[in-house]
């Protein structure tokens, strides 16, 4: 060891020895807090059950948001389509009353026939 290294080593030792007991206690307390935080972080990362719960909640939220989005889109489209379908059926019935009457009579006959066959 060179003289400069011995000087550095003795200076570091002198600095550690010259610290007050209260300073040492504060350092120990700070180290304990840091160690506690580290342990808590590690425990959180290794808690598979909790991570699965958090992921499930996240996916549940995403699914709910997607369902609401699709529901809103369906509401936008459905009323127009239903109204258009009813209007188209009414127009068809007005334009072709005779074929529609035949269809009605045929359906009534099928239903009546099934009721009698029981």
PDB file of N, CA and C in Angstrom:
ATOM      1  N   UNK A   1       0.842  -1.162   0.000  1.00  0.00           N
ATOM      2  CA  UNK A   1       0.000   0.000   0.000  1.00  0.00           C
ATOM      3  C   UNK A   1       0.886   1.223   0.000  1.00  0.00           C
ATOM      4  N   UNK A   2       0.557   2.197  -0.841  1.00  0.00           N
ATOM      5  CA  UNK A   2       1.368   3.412  -0.916  1.00  0.00           C
ATOM      6  C   UNK A   2       1.001   4.333   0.235  1.00  0.00           C
ATOM      7  N   UNK A   3       1.758   5.361   0.392  1.00  0.00           N
ATOM      8  CA  UNK A   3       1.542   6.312   1.479  1.00  0.00           C
ATOM      9  C   UNK A   3       0.236   7.065   1.283  1.00  0.00           C
ATOM     10  N   UNK A   4      -0.085   7.385   0.011  1.00  0.00           N
ATOM     11  CA  UNK A   4      -1.327   8.113  -0.243  1.00  0.00           C
ATOM     12  C   UNK A   4      -2.539   7.229   0.056  1.00  0.00           C
ATOM     13  N   UNK A   5      -2.426   5.921  -0.257  1.00  0.00           N
ATOM     14  CA  UNK A   5      -3.519   5.012   0.031  1.00  0.00           C
ATOM     15  C   UNK A   5      -3.712   4.855   1.531  1.00  0.00           C
ATOM     16  N   UNK A   6      -2.587   4.799   2.291  1.00  0.00           N
ATOM     17  CA  UNK A   6      -2.672   4.684   3.743  1.00  0.00           C
ATOM     18  C   UNK A   6      -3.315   5.931   4.327  1.00  0.00           C
ATOM     19  N   UNK A   7      -3.015   7.075   3.744  1.00  0.00           N
ATOM     20  CA  UNK A   7      -3.582   8.333   4.220  1.00  0.00           C
ATOM     21  C   UNK A   7      -5.081   8.371   3.987  1.00  0.00           C
ATOM     22  N   UNK A   8      -5.508   7.902   2.811  1.00  0.00           N
ATOM     23  CA  UNK A   8      -6.933   7.869   2.503  1.00  0.00           C
ATOM     24  C   UNK A   8      -7.660   6.912   3.432  1.00  0.00           C
ATOM     25  N   UNK A   9      -7.053   5.745   3.662  1.00  0.00           N
ATOM     26  CA  UNK A   9      -7.672   4.737   4.501  1.00  0.00           C
ATOM     27  C   UNK A   9      -7.811   5.228   5.936  1.00  0.00           C
ATOM     28  N   UNK A  10      -6.793   5.857   6.437  1.00  0.00           N
ATOM     29  CA  UNK A  10      -6.863   6.339   7.811  1.00  0.00           C
ATOM     30  C   UNK A  10      -7.826   7.515   7.925  1.00  0.00           C
ATOM     31  N   UNK A  11      -7.947   8.325   6.864  1.00  0.00           N
ATOM     32  CA  UNK A  11      -8.880   9.441   6.886  1.00  0.00           C
ATOM     33  C   UNK A  11     -10.315   8.917   6.907  1.00  0.00           C
ATOM     34  N   UNK A  12     -10.605   7.892   6.118  1.00  0.00           N
ATOM     35  CA  UNK A  12     -11.939   7.302   6.080  1.00  0.00           C
ATOM     36  C   UNK A  12     -12.269   6.677   7.430  1.00  0.00           C
ATOM     37  N   UNK A  13     -11.303   6.003   8.016  1.00  0.00           N
ATOM     38  CA  UNK A  13     -11.510   5.394   9.325  1.00  0.00           C
ATOM     39  C   UNK A  13     -11.727   6.468  10.374  1.00  0.00           C
ATOM     40  N   UNK A  14     -10.939   7.541  10.314  1.00  0.00           N
ATOM     41  CA  UNK A  14     -11.091   8.635  11.266  1.00  0.00           C
ATOM     42  C   UNK A  14     -12.463   9.291  11.130  1.00  0.00           C
ATOM     43  N   UNK A  15     -12.959   9.428   9.870  1.00  0.00           N
ATOM     44  CA  UNK A  15     -14.265  10.055   9.645  1.00  0.00           C
ATOM     45  C   UNK A  15     -15.367   9.186  10.231  1.00  0.00           C
ATOM     46  N   UNK A  16     -15.261   7.868  10.079  1.00  0.00           N
ATOM     47  CA  UNK A  16     -16.263   6.966  10.632  1.00  0.00           C
ATOM     48  C   UNK A  16     -16.226   6.976  12.148  1.00  0.00           C
ATOM     49  N   UNK A  17     -15.048   7.028  12.701  1.00  0.00           N
ATOM     50  CA  UNK A  17     -14.901   7.002  14.153  1.00  0.00           C
ATOM     51  C   UNK A  17     -15.319   8.331  14.773  1.00  0.00           C
ATOM     52  N   UNK A  18     -15.191   9.409  14.049  1.00  0.00           N
ATOM     53  CA  UNK A  18     -15.501  10.712  14.618  1.00  0.00           C
ATOM     54  C   UNK A  18     -16.986  11.057  14.530  1.00  0.00           C
ATOM     55  N   UNK A  19     -17.775  10.180  13.931  1.00  0.00           N
ATOM     56  CA  UNK A  19     -19.216  10.436  13.839  1.00  0.00           C
ATOM     57  C   UNK A  19     -19.857  10.278  15.204  1.00  0.00           C
ATOM     58  N   UNK A  20     -20.845  11.064  15.428  1.00  0.00           N
ATOM     59  CA  UNK A  20     -21.561  11.019  16.697  1.00  0.00           C
ATOM     60  C   UNK A  20     -22.508   9.817  16.706  1.00  0.00           C
ATOM     61  N   UNK A  21     -22.804   9.263  17.859  1.00  0.00           N
ATOM     62  CA  UNK A  21     -23.728   8.132  17.935  1.00  0.00           C
ATOM     63  C   UNK A  21     -25.099   8.457  17.331  1.00  0.00           C
ATOM     64  N   UNK A  22     -25.547   9.680  17.486  1.00  0.00           N
ATOM     65  CA  UNK A  22     -26.848  10.078  16.926  1.00  0.00           C
ATOM     66  C   UNK A  22     -26.820  10.007  15.397  1.00  0.00           C
ATOM     67  N   UNK A  23     -25.717  10.403  14.774  1.00  0.00           N
ATOM     68  CA  UNK A  23     -25.579  10.318  13.310  1.00  0.00           C
ATOM     69  C   UNK A  23     -25.637   8.863  12.853  1.00  0.00           C
ATOM     70  N   UNK A  24     -24.990   8.009  13.615  1.00  0.00           N
ATOM     71  CA  UNK A  24     -24.980   6.585  13.272  1.00  0.00           C
ATOM     72  C   UNK A  24     -26.394   6.023  13.396  1.00  0.00           C
ATOM     73  N   UNK A  25     -27.123   6.388  14.436  1.00  0.00           N
ATOM     74  CA  UNK A  25     -28.505   5.928  14.616  1.00  0.00           C
ATOM     75  C   UNK A  25     -29.389   6.394  13.456  1.00  0.00           C
ATOM     76  N   UNK A  26     -29.207   7.651  13.031  1.00  0.00           N
ATOM     77  CA  UNK A  26     -29.981   8.183  11.907  1.00  0.00           C
ATOM     78  C   UNK A  26     -29.694   7.403  10.634  1.00  0.00           C
ATOM     79  N   UNK A  27     -28.407   7.092  10.400  1.00  0.00           N
ATOM     80  CA  UNK A  27     -28.040   6.295   9.222  1.00  0.00           C
ATOM     81  C   UNK A  27     -28.677   4.913   9.272  1.00  0.00           C
ATOM     82  N   UNK A  28     -28.658   4.313  10.466  1.00  0.00           N
ATOM     83  CA  UNK A  28     -29.256   2.981  10.619  1.00  0.00           C
ATOM     84  C   UNK A  28     -30.751   3.052  10.345  1.00  0.00           C
ATOM     85  N   UNK A  29     -31.428   4.059  10.886  1.00  0.00           N
ATOM     86  CA  UNK A  29     -32.867   4.214  10.679  1.00  0.00           C
ATOM     87  C   UNK A  29     -33.199   4.424   9.201  1.00  0.00           C
ATOM     88  N   UNK A  30     -32.406   5.249   8.539  1.00  0.00           N
ATOM     89  CA  UNK A  30     -32.626   5.497   7.110  1.00  0.00           C
ATOM     90  C   UNK A  30     -32.429   4.201   6.313  1.00  0.00           C
ATOM     91  N   UNK A  31     -31.403   3.445   6.662  1.00  0.00           N
ATOM     92  CA  UNK A  31     -31.137   2.179   5.976  1.00  0.00           C
ATOM     93  C   UNK A  31     -32.288   1.203   6.203  1.00  0.00           C
ATOM     94  N   UNK A  32     -32.835   1.164   7.416  1.00  0.00           N
ATOM     95  CA  UNK A  32     -33.972   0.290   7.711  1.00  0.00           C
ATOM     96  C   UNK A  32     -35.183   0.671   6.863  1.00  0.00           C
ATOM     97  N   UNK A  33     -35.451   1.967   6.753  1.00  0.00           N
ATOM     98  CA  UNK A  33     -36.587   2.424   5.942  1.00  0.00           C
ATOM     99  C   UNK A  33     -36.414   2.026   4.486  1.00  0.00           C
ATOM    100  N   UNK A  34     -35.215   2.247   3.953  1.00  0.00           N
ATOM    101  CA  UNK A  34     -34.947   1.887   2.560  1.00  0.00           C
ATOM    102  C   UNK A  34     -35.094   0.385   2.347  1.00  0.00           C
ATOM    103  N   UNK A  35     -34.583  -0.384   3.310  1.00  0.00           N
ATOM    104  CA  UNK A  35     -34.682  -1.839   3.215  1.00  0.00           C
ATOM    105  C   UNK A  35     -36.147  -2.272   3.285  1.00  0.00           C
ATOM    106  N   UNK A  36     -36.928  -1.638   4.152  1.00  0.00           N
ATOM    107  CA  UNK A  36     -38.350  -1.949   4.258  1.00  0.00           C
ATOM    108  C   UNK A  36     -39.088  -1.665   2.960  1.00  0.00           C
ATOM    109  N   UNK A  37     -38.785  -0.537   2.333  1.00  0.00           N
ATOM    110  CA  UNK A  37     -39.410  -0.195   1.054  1.00  0.00           C
ATOM    111  C   UNK A  37     -39.030  -1.202  -0.022  1.00  0.00           C
ATOM    112  N   UNK A  38     -37.776  -1.611  -0.027  1.00  0.00           N
ATOM    113  CA  UNK A  38     -37.308  -2.588  -1.011  1.00  0.00           C
ATOM    114  C   UNK A  38     -38.022  -3.924  -0.827  1.00  0.00           C
ATOM    115  N   UNK A  39     -38.141  -4.360   0.420  1.00  0.00           N
ATOM    116  CA  UNK A  39     -38.819  -5.623   0.698  1.00  0.00           C
ATOM    117  C   UNK A  39     -40.288  -5.541   0.281  1.00  0.00           C
ATOM    118  N   UNK A  40     -40.928  -4.417   0.583  1.00  0.00           N
ATOM    119  CA  UNK A  40     -42.339  -4.250   0.203  1.00  0.00           C
ATOM    120  C   UNK A  40     -42.500  -4.300  -1.309  1.00  0.00           C
ATOM    121  N   UNK A  41     -41.594  -3.656  -2.025  1.00  0.00           N
ATOM    122  CA  UNK A  41     -41.644  -3.659  -3.489  1.00  0.00           C
ATOM    123  C   UNK A  41     -41.456  -5.074  -4.030  1.00  0.00           C
ATOM    124  N   UNK A  42     -40.512  -5.800  -3.469  1.00  0.00           N
ATOM    125  CA  UNK A  42     -40.264  -7.174  -3.921  1.00  0.00           C
ATOM    126  C   UNK A  42     -41.471  -8.066  -3.609  1.00  0.00           C
ATOM    127  N   UNK A  43     -42.063  -7.890  -2.448  1.00  0.00           N
ATOM    128  CA  UNK A  43     -43.234  -8.692  -2.084  1.00  0.00           C
ATOM    129  C   UNK A  43     -44.389  -8.408  -3.040  1.00  0.00           C
ATOM    130  N   UNK A  44     -44.555  -7.150  -3.403  1.00  0.00           N
ATOM    131  CA  UNK A  44     -45.621  -6.763  -4.333  1.00  0.00           C
ATOM    132  C   UNK A  44     -45.404  -7.398  -5.707  1.00  0.00           C
ATOM    133  N   UNK A  45     -44.154  -7.414  -6.143  1.00  0.00           N
ATOM    134  CA  UNK A  45     -43.852  -7.983  -7.461  1.00  0.00           C
ATOM    135  C   UNK A  45     -44.027  -9.497  -7.493  1.00  0.00           C
ATOM    136  N   UNK A  46     -43.865 -10.152  -6.366  1.00  0.00           N
ATOM    137  CA  UNK A  46     -43.976 -11.610  -6.343  1.00  0.00           C
ATOM    138  C   UNK A  46     -45.366 -12.083  -5.946  1.00  0.00           C
ATOM    139  N   UNK A  47     -46.292 -11.184  -5.651  1.00  0.00           N
ATOM    140  CA  UNK A  47     -47.655 -11.554  -5.269  1.00  0.00           C
ATOM    141  C   UNK A  47     -48.477 -11.804  -6.533  1.00  0.00           C
ATOM    142  N   UNK A  48     -48.429 -13.039  -7.008  1.00  0.00           N
ATOM    143  CA  UNK A  48     -49.074 -13.408  -8.269  1.00  0.00           C
ATOM    144  C   UNK A  48     -50.591 -13.247  -8.170  1.00  0.00           C
ATOM    145  N   UNK A  49     -51.154 -13.608  -7.035  1.00  0.00           N
ATOM    146  CA  UNK A  49     -52.600 -13.515  -6.853  1.00  0.00           C
ATOM    147  C   UNK A  49     -53.067 -12.067  -7.005  1.00  0.00           C
ATOM    148  N   UNK A  50     -52.352 -11.137  -6.387  1.00  0.00           N
ATOM    149  CA  UNK A  50     -52.726  -9.716  -6.466  1.00  0.00           C
ATOM    150  C   UNK A  50     -52.552  -9.197  -7.895  1.00  0.00           C
ATOM    151  N   UNK A  51     -51.481  -9.614  -8.544  1.00  0.00           N
ATOM    152  CA  UNK A  51     -51.265  -9.179  -9.929  1.00  0.00           C
ATOM    153  C   UNK A  51     -52.384  -9.701 -10.824  1.00  0.00           C
ATOM    154  N   UNK A  52     -52.826 -10.924 -10.603  1.00  0.00           N
ATOM    155  CA  UNK A  52     -53.917 -11.486 -11.404  1.00  0.00           C
ATOM    156  C   UNK A  52     -55.208 -10.707 -11.157  1.00  0.00           C
ATOM    157  N   UNK A  53     -55.463 -10.351  -9.894  1.00  0.00           N
ATOM    158  CA  UNK A  53     -56.656  -9.558  -9.585  1.00  0.00           C
ATOM    159  C   UNK A  53     -56.617  -8.215 -10.301  1.00  0.00           C
ATOM    160  N   UNK A  54     -55.456  -7.551 -10.226  1.00  0.00           N
ATOM    161  CA  UNK A  54     -55.330  -6.236 -10.868  1.00  0.00           C
ATOM    162  C   UNK A  54     -55.529  -6.342 -12.377  1.00  0.00           C
ATOM    163  N   UNK A  55     -54.968  -7.377 -12.983  1.00  0.00           N
ATOM    164  CA  UNK A  55     -55.109  -7.564 -14.429  1.00  0.00           C
ATOM    165  C   UNK A  55     -56.570  -7.850 -14.776  1.00  0.00           C
ATOM    166  N   UNK A  56     -57.239  -8.658 -13.942  1.00  0.00           N
ATOM    167  CA  UNK A  56     -58.650  -8.970 -14.182  1.00  0.00           C
ATOM    168  C   UNK A  56     -59.495  -7.706 -14.099  1.00  0.00           C
ATOM    169  N   UNK A  57     -59.227  -6.863 -13.113  1.00  0.00           N
ATOM    170  CA  UNK A  57     -59.969  -5.608 -12.982  1.00  0.00           C
ATOM    171  C   UNK A  57     -59.725  -4.705 -14.196  1.00  0.00           C
ATOM    172  N   UNK A  58     -58.482  -4.674 -14.649  1.00  0.00           N
ATOM    173  CA  UNK A  58     -58.148  -3.862 -15.824  1.00  0.00           C
ATOM    174  C   UNK A  58     -58.916  -4.351 -17.051  1.00  0.00           C
ATOM    175  N   UNK A  59     -58.907  -5.668 -17.270  1.00  0.00           N
ATOM    176  CA  UNK A  59     -59.600  -6.235 -18.425  1.00  0.00           C
ATOM    177  C   UNK A  59     -61.109  -6.053 -18.308  1.00  0.00           C
ATOM    178  N   UNK A  60     -61.616  -6.160 -17.075  1.00  0.00           N
ATOM    179  CA  UNK A  60     -63.043  -5.958 -16.842  1.00  0.00           C
ATOM    180  C   UNK A  60     -63.443  -4.541 -17.231  1.00  0.00           C
ATOM    181  N   UNK A  61     -62.623  -3.580 -16.851  1.00  0.00           N
ATOM    182  CA  UNK A  61     -62.889  -2.189 -17.214  1.00  0.00           C
ATOM    183  C   UNK A  61     -62.857  -1.977 -18.715  1.00  0.00           C
ATOM    184  N   UNK A  62     -61.873  -2.597 -19.368  1.00  0.00           N
ATOM    185  CA  UNK A  62     -61.774  -2.473 -20.820  1.00  0.00           C
ATOM    186  C   UNK A  62     -62.979  -3.108 -21.502  1.00  0.00           C
ATOM    187  N   UNK A  63     -63.411  -4.269 -21.010  1.00  0.00           N
ATOM    188  CA  UNK A  63     -64.568  -4.952 -21.598  1.00  0.00           C
ATOM    189  C   UNK A  63     -65.834  -4.120 -21.417  1.00  0.00           C
ATOM    190  N   UNK A  64     -65.977  -3.517 -20.239  1.00  0.00           N
ATOM    191  CA  UNK A  64     -67.139  -2.668 -19.988  1.00  0.00           C
ATOM    192  C   UNK A  64     -67.179  -1.474 -20.919  1.00  0.00           C
ATOM    193  N   UNK A  65     -66.012  -0.872 -21.108  1.00  0.00           N
ATOM    194  CA  UNK A  65     -65.935   0.287 -21.998  1.00  0.00           C
ATOM    195  C   UNK A  65     -66.269  -0.117 -23.435  1.00  0.00           C
ATOM    196  N   UNK A  66     -65.768  -1.266 -23.863  1.00  0.00           N
ATOM    197  CA  UNK A  66     -66.029  -1.740 -25.228  1.00  0.00           C
ATOM    198  C   UNK A  66     -67.513  -2.070 -25.395  1.00  0.00           C
ATOM    199  N   UNK A  67     -68.115  -2.708 -24.370  1.00  0.00           N
ATOM    200  CA  UNK A  67     -69.537  -3.046 -24.439  1.00  0.00           C
ATOM    201  C   UNK A  67     -70.383  -1.782 -24.547  1.00  0.00           C
ATOM    202  N   UNK A  68     -70.037  -0.765 -23.782  1.00  0.00           N
ATOM    203  CA  UNK A  68     -70.781   0.492 -23.840  1.00  0.00           C
ATOM    204  C   UNK A  68     -70.639   1.132 -25.218  1.00  0.00           C
ATOM    205  N   UNK A  69     -69.431   1.087 -25.747  1.00  0.00           N
ATOM    206  CA  UNK A  69     -69.193   1.660 -27.084  1.00  0.00           C
ATOM    207  C   UNK A  69     -70.046   0.942 -28.134  1.00  0.00           C
ATOM    208  N   UNK A  70     -70.062  -0.389 -28.078  1.00  0.00           N
ATOM    209  CA  UNK A  70     -70.850  -1.159 -29.045  1.00  0.00           C
ATOM    210  C   UNK A  70     -72.340  -0.935 -28.845  1.00  0.00           C
ATOM    211  N   UNK A  71     -72.763  -0.822 -27.601  1.00  0.00           N
ATOM    212  CA  UNK A  71     -74.168  -0.564 -27.307  1.00  0.00           C
ATOM    213  C   UNK A  71     -74.603   0.784 -27.876  1.00  0.00           C
ATOM    214  N   UNK A  72     -73.745   1.788 -27.696  1.00  0.00           N
ATOM    215  CA  UNK A  72     -74.056   3.115 -28.226  1.00  0.00           C
ATOM    216  C   UNK A  72     -74.162   3.079 -29.753  1.00  0.00           C
ATOM    217  N   UNK A  73     -73.253   2.344 -30.384  1.00  0.00           N
ATOM    218  CA  UNK A  73     -73.298   2.229 -31.851  1.00  0.00           C
ATOM    219  C   UNK A  73     -74.572   1.522 -32.293  1.00  0.00           C
ATOM    220  N   UNK A  74     -74.967   0.470 -31.566  1.00  0.00           N
ATOM    221  CA  UNK A  74     -76.181  -0.278 -31.913  1.00  0.00           C
ATOM    222  C   UNK A  74     -77.419   0.601 -31.774  1.00  0.00           C
ATOM    223  N   UNK A  75     -77.439   1.430 -30.732  1.00  0.00           N
ATOM    224  CA  UNK A  75     -78.577   2.330 -30.533  1.00  0.00           C
ATOM    225  C   UNK A  75     -78.673   3.352 -31.653  1.00  0.00           C
ATOM    226  N   UNK A  76     -77.517   3.786 -32.151  1.00  0.00           N
ATOM    227  CA  UNK A  76     -77.518   4.750 -33.247  1.00  0.00           C
ATOM    228  C   UNK A  76     -78.081   4.131 -34.522  1.00  0.00           C
ATOM    229  N   UNK A  77     -77.764   2.872 -34.767  1.00  0.00           N
ATOM    230  CA  UNK A  77     -78.144   2.204 -36.010  1.00  0.00           C
ATOM    231  C   UNK A  77     -79.541   1.602 -35.925  1.00  0.00           C
ATOM    232  N   UNK A  78     -79.906   1.012 -34.827  1.00  0.00           N
ATOM    233  CA  UNK A  78     -81.143   0.231 -34.711  1.00  0.00           C
ATOM    234  C   UNK A  78     -82.419   1.021 -34.957  1.00  0.00           C
ATOM    235  N   UNK A  79     -82.625   2.166 -34.327  1.00  0.00           N
ATOM    236  CA  UNK A  79     -83.909   2.839 -34.548  1.00  0.00           C
ATOM    237  C   UNK A  79     -84.172   3.155 -36.011  1.00  0.00           C
ATOM    238  N   UNK A  80     -83.187   3.604 -36.726  1.00  0.00           N
ATOM    239  CA  UNK A  80     -83.369   3.909 -38.141  1.00  0.00           C
ATOM    240  C   UNK A  80     -83.686   2.642 -38.921  1.00  0.00           C
ATOM    241  N   UNK A  81     -82.977   1.575 -38.647  1.00  0.00           N
ATOM    242  CA  UNK A  81     -83.182   0.330 -39.375  1.00  0.00           C
ATOM    243  C   UNK A  81     -84.560  -0.233 -39.096  1.00  0.00           C
ATOM    244  N   UNK A  82     -84.993  -0.220 -37.837  1.00  0.00           N
ATOM    245  CA  UNK A  82     -86.303  -0.754 -37.480  1.00  0.00           C
ATOM    246  C   UNK A  82     -87.401   0.070 -38.141  1.00  0.00           C
ATOM    247  N   UNK A  83     -87.265   1.369 -38.081  1.00  0.00           N
ATOM    248  CA  UNK A  83     -88.267   2.247 -38.692  1.00  0.00           C
ATOM    249  C   UNK A  83     -88.312   2.033 -40.196  1.00  0.00           C
ATOM    250  N   UNK A  84     -87.143   1.926 -40.799  1.00  0.00           N
ATOM    251  CA  UNK A  84     -87.096   1.703 -42.244  1.00  0.00           C
ATOM    252  C   UNK A  84     -87.724   0.357 -42.600  1.00  0.00           C
ATOM    253  N   UNK A  85     -87.466  -0.668 -41.770  1.00  0.00           N
ATOM    254  CA  UNK A  85     -88.031  -2.000 -42.036  1.00  0.00           C
ATOM    255  C   UNK A  85     -89.545  -1.991 -41.969  1.00  0.00           C
ATOM    256  N   UNK A  86     -90.092  -1.324 -40.975  1.00  0.00           N
ATOM    257  CA  UNK A  86     -91.551  -1.231 -40.838  1.00  0.00           C
ATOM    258  C   UNK A  86     -92.142  -0.464 -42.012  1.00  0.00           C
ATOM    259  N   UNK A  87     -91.523   0.638 -42.382  1.00  0.00           N
ATOM    260  CA  UNK A  87     -92.022   1.441 -43.504  1.00  0.00           C
ATOM    261  C   UNK A  87     -91.974   0.649 -44.804  1.00  0.00           C
ATOM    262  N   UNK A  88     -90.902  -0.119 -44.978  1.00  0.00           N
ATOM    263  CA  UNK A  88     -90.779  -0.916 -46.202  1.00  0.00           C
ATOM    264  C   UNK A  88     -91.863  -1.998 -46.236  1.00  0.00           C
ATOM    265  N   UNK A  89     -92.141  -2.633 -45.102  1.00  0.00           N
ATOM    266  CA  UNK A  89     -93.191  -3.655 -45.053  1.00  0.00           C
ATOM    267  C   UNK A  89     -94.557  -3.039 -45.336  1.00  0.00           C
ATOM    268  N   UNK A  90     -94.801  -1.849 -44.827  1.00  0.00           N
ATOM    269  CA  UNK A  90     -96.079  -1.175 -45.076  1.00  0.00           C
ATOM    270  C   UNK A  90     -96.216  -0.824 -46.554  1.00  0.00           C
ATOM    271  N   UNK A  91     -95.150  -0.332 -47.157  1.00  0.00           N
ATOM    272  CA  UNK A  91     -95.185   0.004 -48.588  1.00  0.00           C
ATOM    273  C   UNK A  91     -95.444  -1.240 -49.430  1.00  0.00           C
ATOM    274  N   UNK A  92     -94.775  -2.333 -49.068  1.00  0.00           N
ATOM    275  CA  UNK A  92     -94.950  -3.588 -49.812  1.00  0.00           C
ATOM    276  C   UNK A  92     -96.393  -4.075 -49.705  1.00  0.00           C
ATOM    277  N   UNK A  93     -96.968  -3.964 -48.534  1.00  0.00           N
ATOM    278  CA  UNK A  93     -98.356  -4.397 -48.336  1.00  0.00           C
ATOM    279  C   UNK A  93     -99.318  -3.522 -49.135  1.00  0.00           C
ATOM    280  N   UNK A  94     -99.067  -2.218 -49.203  1.00  0.00           N
ATOM    281  CA  UNK A  94     -99.941  -1.316 -49.958  1.00  0.00           C
ATOM    282  C   UNK A  94     -99.799  -1.526 -51.456  1.00  0.00           C
ATOM    283  N   UNK A  95     -98.581  -1.810 -51.913  1.00  0.00           N
ATOM    284  CA  UNK A  95     -98.336  -1.973 -53.340  1.00  0.00           C
ATOM    285  C   UNK A  95     -98.827  -3.331 -53.850  1.00  0.00           C
ATOM    286  N   UNK A  96     -98.797  -4.356 -53.039  1.00  0.00           N
ATOM    287  CA  UNK A  96     -99.169  -5.711 -53.457  1.00  0.00           C
ATOM    288  C   UNK A  96    -100.144  -6.339 -52.460  1.00  0.00           C
ATOM    289  N   UNK A  97    -101.356  -5.865 -52.382  1.00  0.00           N
ATOM    290  CA  UNK A  97    -102.276  -6.400 -51.371  1.00  0.00           C
ATOM    291  C   UNK A  97    -102.729  -7.838 -51.653  1.00  0.00           C
ATOM    292  N   UNK A  98    -102.869  -8.218 -52.921  1.00  0.00           N
ATOM    293  CA  UNK A  98    -103.375  -9.553 -53.248  1.00  0.00           C
ATOM    294  C   UNK A  98    -102.358 -10.636 -52.870  1.00  0.00           C
ATOM    295  N   UNK A  99    -101.094 -10.545 -53.281  1.00  0.00           N
ATOM    296  CA  UNK A  99    -100.145 -11.585 -52.865  1.00  0.00           C
ATOM    297  C   UNK A  99     -99.999 -11.646 -51.341  1.00  0.00           C
ATOM    298  N   UNK A 100    -100.048 -10.516 -50.696  1.00  0.00           N
ATOM    299  CA  UNK A 100     -99.938 -10.491 -49.240  1.00  0.00           C
ATOM    300  C   UNK A 100    -101.137 -11.187 -48.603  1.00  0.00           C
ATOM    301  N   UNK A 101    -102.315 -11.005 -49.186  1.00  0.00           N
ATOM    302  CA  UNK A 101    -103.516 -11.671 -48.671  1.00  0.00           C
ATOM    303  C   UNK A 101    -103.385 -13.183 -48.831  1.00  0.00           C
ATOM    304  N   UNK A 102    -102.846 -13.646 -49.976  1.00  0.00           N
ATOM    305  CA  UNK A 102    -102.647 -15.077 -50.178  1.00  0.00           C
ATOM    306  C   UNK A 102    -101.663 -15.655 -49.149  1.00  0.00           C
ATOM    307  N   UNK A 103    -100.616 -14.932 -48.889  1.00  0.00           N
ATOM    308  CA  UNK A 103     -99.632 -15.377 -47.887  1.00  0.00           C
ATOM    309  C   UNK A 103    -100.306 -15.466 -46.521  1.00  0.00           C
ATOM    310  N   UNK A 104    -101.118 -14.479 -46.187  1.00  0.00           N
ATOM    311  CA  UNK A 104    -101.817 -14.486 -44.905  1.00  0.00           C
ATOM    312  C   UNK A 104    -102.758 -15.671 -44.776  1.00  0.00           C
ATOM    313  N   UNK A 105    -103.501 -15.958 -45.851  1.00  0.00           N
ATOM    314  CA  UNK A 105    -104.434 -17.088 -45.846  1.00  0.00           C
ATOM    315  C   UNK A 105    -103.662 -18.401 -45.723  1.00  0.00           C
ATOM    316  N   UNK A 106    -102.545 -18.514 -46.431  1.00  0.00           N
ATOM    317  CA  UNK A 106    -101.737 -19.735 -46.365  1.00  0.00           C
ATOM    318  C   UNK A 106    -101.205 -19.971 -44.947  1.00  0.00           C
ATOM    319  N   UNK A 107    -100.662 -18.948 -44.332  1.00  0.00           N
ATOM    320  CA  UNK A 107    -100.127 -19.060 -42.971  1.00  0.00           C
ATOM    321  C   UNK A 107    -101.249 -19.427 -42.001  1.00  0.00           C
ATOM    322  N   UNK A 108    -102.404 -18.788 -42.136  1.00  0.00           N
ATOM    323  CA  UNK A 108    -103.539 -19.104 -41.261  1.00  0.00           C
ATOM    324  C   UNK A 108    -103.971 -20.558 -41.452  1.00  0.00           C
ATOM    325  N   UNK A 109    -103.973 -21.045 -42.700  1.00  0.00           N
ATOM    326  CA  UNK A 109    -104.349 -22.436 -42.978  1.00  0.00           C
ATOM    327  C   UNK A 109    -103.365 -23.413 -42.342  1.00  0.00           C
ATOM    328  N   UNK A 110    -102.072 -23.125 -42.422  1.00  0.00           N
ATOM    329  CA  UNK A 110    -101.057 -24.004 -41.826  1.00  0.00           C
ATOM    330  C   UNK A 110    -101.243 -24.056 -40.314  1.00  0.00           C
ATOM    331  N   UNK A 111    -101.439 -22.925 -39.703  1.00  0.00           N
ATOM    332  CA  UNK A 111    -101.624 -22.869 -38.248  1.00  0.00           C
ATOM    333  C   UNK A 111    -102.900 -23.611 -37.860  1.00  0.00           C
ATOM    334  N   UNK A 112    -103.974 -23.371 -38.583  1.00  0.00           N
ATOM    335  CA  UNK A 112    -105.258 -24.021 -38.291  1.00  0.00           C
ATOM    336  C   UNK A 112    -105.142 -25.539 -38.453  1.00  0.00           C
ATOM    337  N   UNK A 113    -104.443 -25.973 -39.522  1.00  0.00           N
ATOM    338  CA  UNK A 113    -104.246 -27.396 -39.765  1.00  0.00           C
ATOM    339  C   UNK A 113    -103.450 -28.059 -38.641  1.00  0.00           C
ATOM    340  N   UNK A 114    -102.454 -27.422 -38.144  1.00  0.00           N
ATOM    341  CA  UNK A 114    -101.653 -27.993 -37.049  1.00  0.00           C
ATOM    342  C   UNK A 114    -102.482 -28.080 -35.762  1.00  0.00           C
ATOM    343  N   UNK A 115    -103.299 -27.070 -35.552  1.00  0.00           N
ATOM    344  CA  UNK A 115    -104.140 -27.114 -34.343  1.00  0.00           C
ATOM    345  C   UNK A 115    -105.133 -28.254 -34.399  1.00  0.00           C
ATOM    346  N   UNK A 116    -105.705 -28.535 -35.590  1.00  0.00           N
ATOM    347  CA  UNK A 116    -106.682 -29.606 -35.738  1.00  0.00           C
ATOM    348  C   UNK A 116    -106.024 -30.999 -35.674  1.00  0.00           C
ATOM    349  N   UNK A 117    -104.783 -31.102 -36.068  1.00  0.00           N
ATOM    350  CA  UNK A 117    -104.129 -32.397 -36.097  1.00  0.00           C
ATOM    351  C   UNK A 117    -103.703 -32.871 -34.719  1.00  0.00           C
ATOM    352  N   UNK A 118    -103.803 -32.065 -33.726  1.00  0.00           N
ATOM    353  CA  UNK A 118    -103.424 -32.458 -32.359  1.00  0.00           C
ATOM    354  C   UNK A 118    -104.479 -33.223 -31.729  1.00  0.00           C
TER     355      UNK A 118
END
